């Protein structure tokens, strides 16, 4: 059974930082691309960042987070991370971990950016 468990969300002031983690189990983690999505109230779920399964760990980002967010992975720990810097109010959303191409999603972690 595949499980993706996110953690690290919370309330942060504009300009602050957070690091999200997603621990995977039930899959051979290093074989799979991994991604972070987010969904804000009243909006569709959108791709935030993706990292490939290759040793190069090629990354792609939504334009709205380029230069502020960094996705990374630790295959030894079966974990993917999302470092979020210079957070803005518009980054407020539930953030989900996902295995692209499969119906594997985490339960989500709330990120709220507010003063």
Protein backbone atom coordinates (compact mmCIF):
# COMPACT_ATOMS: atom_id res chain seq x y z
CA UNK A 1 0.00 0.00 0.00
CA UNK A 2 1.42 3.33 -1.08
CA UNK A 3 1.45 6.07 1.52
CA UNK A 4 2.59 9.67 1.16
CA UNK A 5 2.71 11.65 4.39
CA UNK A 6 3.31 15.39 4.26
CA UNK A 7 4.50 17.52 7.15
CA UNK A 8 5.96 20.95 7.82
CA UNK A 9 3.03 23.22 7.03
CA UNK A 10 1.90 26.02 9.28
CA UNK A 11 1.33 29.74 9.69
CA UNK A 12 4.11 32.07 8.56
CA UNK A 13 4.41 35.79 7.97
CA UNK A 14 4.95 37.20 4.48
CA UNK A 15 8.61 36.98 3.58
CA UNK A 16 9.13 33.96 5.80
CA UNK A 17 10.19 30.41 4.99
CA UNK A 18 8.94 26.87 5.48
CA UNK A 19 10.18 23.44 4.51
CA UNK A 20 7.67 20.77 3.64
CA UNK A 21 8.51 17.07 3.76
CA UNK A 22 6.80 14.09 2.18
CA UNK A 23 7.71 10.62 3.39
CA UNK A 24 6.83 7.83 0.97
CA UNK A 25 6.31 4.15 1.68
CA UNK A 26 5.05 1.21 -0.33
CA UNK A 27 6.91 2.21 -3.49
CA UNK A 28 10.48 1.88 -4.70
CA UNK A 29 10.91 5.59 -4.19
CA UNK A 30 14.01 6.19 -6.27
CA UNK A 31 12.29 4.88 -9.40
CA UNK A 32 9.64 7.61 -9.46
CA UNK A 33 9.43 11.26 -10.31
CA UNK A 34 7.89 13.21 -7.44
CA UNK A 35 5.89 16.43 -7.38
CA UNK A 36 4.29 19.01 -5.13
CA UNK A 37 0.88 20.45 -5.93
CA UNK A 38 -1.20 23.03 -4.11
CA UNK A 39 -4.83 24.01 -3.95
CA UNK A 40 -6.04 27.36 -2.68
CA UNK A 41 -9.67 27.91 -1.62
CA UNK A 42 -11.93 28.18 -4.65
CA UNK A 43 -9.14 27.35 -7.07
CA UNK A 44 -8.02 24.28 -8.98
CA UNK A 45 -5.13 22.17 -7.82
CA UNK A 46 -1.94 23.30 -9.55
CA UNK A 47 1.55 21.91 -10.04
CA UNK A 48 4.16 23.71 -7.93
CA UNK A 49 7.33 21.71 -8.58
CA UNK A 50 8.52 18.38 -9.91
CA UNK A 51 11.76 16.42 -9.64
CA UNK A 52 12.78 13.50 -11.81
CA UNK A 53 13.84 10.06 -10.64
CA UNK A 54 17.14 10.23 -12.48
CA UNK A 55 20.43 10.81 -10.70
CA UNK A 56 20.42 14.33 -12.15
CA UNK A 57 17.21 15.09 -10.27
CA UNK A 58 16.03 17.54 -12.92
CA UNK A 59 13.57 20.04 -11.51
CA UNK A 60 10.75 22.13 -12.94
CA UNK A 61 8.72 24.87 -11.27
CA UNK A 62 5.58 26.87 -11.74
CA UNK A 63 6.43 30.39 -12.88
CA UNK A 64 4.85 31.79 -9.73
CA UNK A 65 7.40 30.08 -7.46
CA UNK A 66 10.58 30.12 -9.56
CA UNK A 67 13.49 31.53 -7.63
CA UNK A 68 11.67 31.17 -4.29
CA UNK A 69 10.90 27.45 -3.96
CA UNK A 70 13.28 24.50 -4.21
CA UNK A 71 12.28 20.85 -4.57
CA UNK A 72 14.75 18.16 -3.56
CA UNK A 73 14.76 14.50 -2.66
CA UNK A 74 16.64 12.10 -0.43
CA UNK A 75 16.26 8.60 -1.86
CA UNK A 76 17.92 7.05 1.19
CA UNK A 77 15.11 8.45 3.33
CA UNK A 78 12.30 8.00 0.76
CA UNK A 79 11.51 11.67 1.21
CA UNK A 80 10.90 14.64 -1.04
CA UNK A 81 11.15 18.20 0.22
CA UNK A 82 9.87 21.61 -0.76
CA UNK A 83 11.83 24.54 0.58
CA UNK A 84 9.73 27.70 0.33
CA UNK A 85 11.35 31.11 0.76
CA UNK A 86 10.03 34.66 0.48
CA UNK A 87 6.51 33.41 1.05
CA UNK A 88 3.62 35.54 -0.15
CA UNK A 89 -0.04 35.61 0.85
CA UNK A 90 -0.90 34.08 -2.50
CA UNK A 91 1.11 30.98 -1.54
CA UNK A 92 -1.58 30.14 1.01
CA UNK A 93 -2.96 26.71 0.09
CA UNK A 94 -3.06 23.06 0.98
CA UNK A 95 0.11 21.47 -0.37
CA UNK A 96 0.03 17.89 -1.64
CA UNK A 97 2.73 15.38 -2.44
CA UNK A 98 2.10 13.37 -5.63
CA UNK A 99 3.64 10.63 -7.74
CA UNK A 100 3.15 11.84 -11.33
CA UNK A 101 1.33 9.39 -13.56
CA UNK A 102 -0.22 7.51 -10.66
CA UNK A 103 -3.16 8.15 -8.36
CA UNK A 104 -0.91 8.47 -5.34
CA UNK A 105 -1.53 11.59 -3.26
CA UNK A 106 -0.77 12.60 0.27
CA UNK A 107 -3.40 13.97 2.63
CA UNK A 108 -2.08 17.51 2.29
CA UNK A 109 -0.56 20.03 4.65
CA UNK A 110 -1.90 23.55 5.16
CA UNK A 111 0.35 26.52 4.51
CA UNK A 112 -1.00 29.91 5.57
CA UNK A 113 0.92 33.09 4.85
CA UNK A 114 -0.48 35.98 6.83
CA UNK A 115 0.61 38.89 8.98
